[in-house]
Structures are given as structure tokens and as C-alpha cells.
Amino acid sequence: MSSVRRCSRTACGRPAVATLTYVYADSTAVLGPLATYAEPHCYDLCAEHAERLTAPRGWDVVRLAAETGPLRRSSDDLEALANAVREAARPQERTPRQARGPEGDPTEAGRRGHLRVLRSPDN
């Protein structure tokens, strides 16, 4: 089996150089450098198909610049990841509104982005 990933387009056997992902909630197609791993619901595209990519009417296409040159790892990536984990683990200060939940819902204990923390019905 070949280790080179191929273009996802039908009948195209060229090597993939970019990965396409759809963000349906934002009506956006994101085309970026080839992902490290093949992911479900993402499409690998060759240079020609990546260049000619269009999106449906009303959608936006975001083209992320591919890094040129050899890929170099730096400690900055690891530090950024560690800082993000620390920030997510840091307890949040509660305001009186957060303690009751939005609109006074006593079952909701807090909110972080689109995630909600719900109290047990026993409490």
C-alpha cells in the first residue's frame, strides 16, 4: 500500500497537497495544507483541484496559506498546547447569573462556549 495520500476527487490519482473541510454552521469551506492524518469528513485534494475549488452560492472559501519549506517543529507549539490545557482547567469565577444558569434555570450550573454543565436532578 502506498504511503502517499491521493486526491479525493473521482478518477484523480494525483498526490494530495491540501485538505478541504466544511464548516456547515458558518457556510464556509476551509482549504488548508495537507492534514497530518487522513480524517473522516475531510477531503484531500491535489494542486489542480485545490486551485480550482469553488463553493456553493452563499458560502465562503477560506484558503489557509501553506507553509513553504521543510516542516520544523518548535517548542512554541508544545508550549501553546500546554497553555491552552492550563487555561481550560482553570476554574472560572461565577457571577450570580452563572450560578443560577441562563434565564434562571436551576439545572444549568455554567456555560463555556457551546458546552453546558448541568446539575444532577438529585441536588
C-alpha atoms as a PDB file:
ATOM      1  CA  MET A   1       0.000   0.000   0.000  1.00  0.00           C
ATOM      2  CA  SER A   2       1.324   3.433  -0.926  1.00  0.00           C
ATOM      3  CA  SER A   3       2.081   5.911   1.857  1.00  0.00           C
ATOM      4  CA  VAL A   4       1.254   8.864  -0.427  1.00  0.00           C
ATOM      5  CA  ARG A   5      -2.285  10.132   0.026  1.00  0.00           C
ATOM      6  CA  ARG A   6      -4.207  10.658  -3.190  1.00  0.00           C
ATOM      7  CA  CYS A   7      -6.704  13.289  -4.283  1.00  0.00           C
ATOM      8  CA  SER A   8     -10.260  12.518  -3.118  1.00  0.00           C
ATOM      9  CA  ARG A   9     -11.824  13.587  -6.420  1.00  0.00           C
ATOM     10  CA  THR A  10     -13.227  10.749  -8.506  1.00  0.00           C
ATOM     11  CA  ALA A  11     -10.817   9.387 -11.145  1.00  0.00           C
ATOM     12  CA  CYS A  12      -7.957  11.610  -9.963  1.00  0.00           C
ATOM     13  CA  GLY A  13      -4.843   9.734  -8.909  1.00  0.00           C
ATOM     14  CA  ARG A  14      -2.540  12.695  -8.301  1.00  0.00           C
ATOM     15  CA  PRO A  15      -0.905  13.108  -4.872  1.00  0.00           C
ATOM     16  CA  ALA A  16      -2.820  15.263  -2.395  1.00  0.00           C
ATOM     17  CA  VAL A  17      -1.336  18.598  -1.315  1.00  0.00           C
ATOM     18  CA  ALA A  18      -4.284  20.224   0.521  1.00  0.00           C
ATOM     19  CA  THR A  19      -7.143  19.265   2.837  1.00  0.00           C
ATOM     20  CA  LEU A  20     -10.682  20.589   2.458  1.00  0.00           C
ATOM     21  CA  THR A  21     -13.025  20.819   5.435  1.00  0.00           C
ATOM     22  CA  TYR A  22     -16.573  22.175   5.554  1.00  0.00           C
ATOM     23  CA  VAL A  23     -17.918  24.242   8.461  1.00  0.00           C
ATOM     24  CA  TYR A  24     -21.626  23.867   7.845  1.00  0.00           C
ATOM     25  CA  ALA A  25     -22.701  26.157  10.701  1.00  0.00           C
ATOM     26  CA  ASP A  26     -20.804  29.061   9.112  1.00  0.00           C
ATOM     27  CA  SER A  27     -21.406  28.092   5.458  1.00  0.00           C
ATOM     28  CA  THR A  28     -17.649  28.028   4.967  1.00  0.00           C
ATOM     29  CA  ALA A  29     -15.251  25.751   3.114  1.00  0.00           C
ATOM     30  CA  VAL A  30     -11.729  25.772   4.579  1.00  0.00           C
ATOM     31  CA  LEU A  31      -8.843  24.751   2.322  1.00  0.00           C
ATOM     32  CA  GLY A  32      -5.520  24.387   4.060  1.00  0.00           C
ATOM     33  CA  PRO A  33      -2.263  22.474   3.905  1.00  0.00           C
ATOM     34  CA  LEU A  34      -2.444  18.691   3.806  1.00  0.00           C
ATOM     35  CA  ALA A  35      -3.531  17.425   7.223  1.00  0.00           C
ATOM     36  CA  THR A  36      -1.118  15.234   9.132  1.00  0.00           C
ATOM     37  CA  TYR A  37      -3.610  12.368   9.191  1.00  0.00           C
ATOM     38  CA  ALA A  38      -6.474  11.423   6.909  1.00  0.00           C
ATOM     39  CA  GLU A  39      -9.614  12.472   8.764  1.00  0.00           C
ATOM     40  CA  PRO A  40     -13.174  11.369   8.106  1.00  0.00           C
ATOM     41  CA  HIS A  41     -15.350  14.125   6.614  1.00  0.00           C
ATOM     42  CA  CYS A  42     -12.276  15.901   5.208  1.00  0.00           C
ATOM     43  CA  TYR A  43     -11.186  15.730   1.596  1.00  0.00           C
ATOM     44  CA  ASP A  44      -7.608  15.611   0.356  1.00  0.00           C
ATOM     45  CA  LEU A  45      -7.100  17.479  -2.919  1.00  0.00           C
ATOM     46  CA  CYS A  46      -4.297  17.642  -5.479  1.00  0.00           C
ATOM     47  CA  ALA A  47      -2.825  21.011  -6.504  1.00  0.00           C
ATOM     48  CA  GLU A  48      -5.073  21.340  -9.571  1.00  0.00           C
ATOM     49  CA  HIS A  49      -8.325  20.602  -7.754  1.00  0.00           C
ATOM     50  CA  ALA A  50      -7.323  22.804  -4.793  1.00  0.00           C
ATOM     51  CA  GLU A  51      -6.638  25.701  -7.170  1.00  0.00           C
ATOM     52  CA  ARG A  52      -9.998  25.321  -8.973  1.00  0.00           C
ATOM     53  CA  LEU A  53     -12.090  24.849  -5.817  1.00  0.00           C
ATOM     54  CA  THR A  54     -15.344  26.780  -5.694  1.00  0.00           C
ATOM     55  CA  ALA A  55     -18.080  26.768  -3.058  1.00  0.00           C
ATOM     56  CA  PRO A  56     -21.861  26.848  -3.396  1.00  0.00           C
ATOM     57  CA  ARG A  57     -23.555  30.223  -3.734  1.00  0.00           C
ATOM     58  CA  GLY A  58     -23.675  31.994  -0.371  1.00  0.00           C
ATOM     59  CA  TRP A  59     -20.718  30.062   1.028  1.00  0.00           C
ATOM     60  CA  ASP A  60     -17.270  31.485   1.763  1.00  0.00           C
ATOM     61  CA  VAL A  61     -13.972  29.814   0.905  1.00  0.00           C
ATOM     62  CA  VAL A  62     -11.127  30.339   3.354  1.00  0.00           C
ATOM     63  CA  ARG A  63      -7.748  29.449   1.895  1.00  0.00           C
ATOM     64  CA  LEU A  64      -5.092  28.990   4.543  1.00  0.00           C
ATOM     65  CA  ALA A  65      -1.593  29.687   3.291  1.00  0.00           C
ATOM     66  CA  ALA A  66       0.534  26.581   3.035  1.00  0.00           C
ATOM     67  CA  GLU A  67       3.887  26.811   4.740  1.00  0.00           C
ATOM     68  CA  THR A  68       6.724  26.639   2.282  1.00  0.00           C
ATOM     69  CA  GLY A  69       9.938  24.899   3.083  1.00  0.00           C
ATOM     70  CA  PRO A  70      10.623  21.937   5.337  1.00  0.00           C
ATOM     71  CA  LEU A  71       8.384  21.412   8.343  1.00  0.00           C
ATOM     72  CA  ARG A  72      10.218  22.295  11.534  1.00  0.00           C
ATOM     73  CA  ARG A  73       8.929  21.531  14.991  1.00  0.00           C
ATOM     74  CA  SER A  74       9.379  24.108  17.678  1.00  0.00           C
ATOM     75  CA  SER A  75       8.835  24.219  21.393  1.00  0.00           C
ATOM     76  CA  ASP A  76       6.322  27.036  20.800  1.00  0.00           C
ATOM     77  CA  ASP A  77       3.737  24.506  19.592  1.00  0.00           C
ATOM     78  CA  LEU A  78       4.087  22.419  22.731  1.00  0.00           C
ATOM     79  CA  GLU A  79       4.002  25.491  24.969  1.00  0.00           C
ATOM     80  CA  ALA A  80       0.863  26.796  23.247  1.00  0.00           C
ATOM     81  CA  LEU A  81      -0.848  23.446  23.748  1.00  0.00           C
ATOM     82  CA  ALA A  82       0.170  23.312  27.413  1.00  0.00           C
ATOM     83  CA  ASN A  83      -1.098  26.872  27.969  1.00  0.00           C
ATOM     84  CA  ALA A  84      -4.435  26.030  26.330  1.00  0.00           C
ATOM     85  CA  VAL A  85      -4.849  22.981  28.588  1.00  0.00           C
ATOM     86  CA  ARG A  86      -3.994  25.055  31.675  1.00  0.00           C
ATOM     87  CA  GLU A  87      -6.478  27.750  30.677  1.00  0.00           C
ATOM     88  CA  ALA A  88      -9.250  25.202  30.126  1.00  0.00           C
ATOM     89  CA  ALA A  89      -8.554  23.586  33.512  1.00  0.00           C
ATOM     90  CA  ARG A  90      -8.547  26.888  35.408  1.00  0.00           C
ATOM     91  CA  PRO A  91     -11.752  27.296  37.470  1.00  0.00           C
ATOM     92  CA  GLN A  92     -13.972  30.117  36.322  1.00  0.00           C
ATOM     93  CA  GLU A  93     -15.288  32.767  38.691  1.00  0.00           C
ATOM     94  CA  ARG A  94     -19.041  32.602  38.996  1.00  0.00           C
ATOM     95  CA  THR A  95     -21.320  35.581  38.875  1.00  0.00           C
ATOM     96  CA  PRO A  96     -24.767  35.359  40.464  1.00  0.00           C
ATOM     97  CA  ARG A  97     -26.305  34.894  36.998  1.00  0.00           C
ATOM     98  CA  GLN A  98     -23.952  31.998  36.178  1.00  0.00           C
ATOM     99  CA  ALA A  99     -24.734  30.293  39.470  1.00  0.00           C
ATOM    100  CA  ARG A 100     -28.416  30.041  38.531  1.00  0.00           C
ATOM    101  CA  GLY A 101     -27.801  29.450  34.833  1.00  0.00           C
ATOM    102  CA  PRO A 102     -29.216  31.488  31.961  1.00  0.00           C
ATOM    103  CA  GLU A 103     -32.768  32.757  32.408  1.00  0.00           C
ATOM    104  CA  GLY A 104     -32.779  31.446  35.998  1.00  0.00           C
ATOM    105  CA  ASP A 105     -32.592  27.765  35.029  1.00  0.00           C
ATOM    106  CA  PRO A 106     -31.608  25.976  38.273  1.00  0.00           C
ATOM    107  CA  THR A 107     -30.416  22.851  36.419  1.00  0.00           C
ATOM    108  CA  GLU A 108     -27.669  24.661  34.469  1.00  0.00           C
ATOM    109  CA  ALA A 109     -24.545  25.286  36.526  1.00  0.00           C
ATOM    110  CA  GLY A 110     -22.356  27.008  33.947  1.00  0.00           C
ATOM    111  CA  ARG A 111     -21.563  27.573  30.323  1.00  0.00           C
ATOM    112  CA  ARG A 112     -18.326  27.556  28.330  1.00  0.00           C
ATOM    113  CA  GLY A 113     -18.845  28.368  24.683  1.00  0.00           C
ATOM    114  CA  HIS A 114     -21.418  25.954  23.321  1.00  0.00           C
ATOM    115  CA  LEU A 115     -20.962  23.476  26.215  1.00  0.00           C
ATOM    116  CA  ARG A 116     -23.164  23.464  29.314  1.00  0.00           C
ATOM    117  CA  VAL A 117     -22.616  21.994  32.772  1.00  0.00           C
ATOM    118  CA  LEU A 118     -25.842  20.550  34.184  1.00  0.00           C
ATOM    119  CA  ARG A 119     -26.554  19.811  37.823  1.00  0.00           C
ATOM    120  CA  SER A 120     -27.761  16.401  38.847  1.00  0.00           C
ATOM    121  CA  PRO A 121     -31.533  16.329  39.486  1.00  0.00           C
ATOM    122  CA  ASP A 122     -30.749  14.873  42.942  1.00  0.00           C
ATOM    123  CA  ASN A 123     -29.032  18.118  44.082  1.00  0.00           C
END
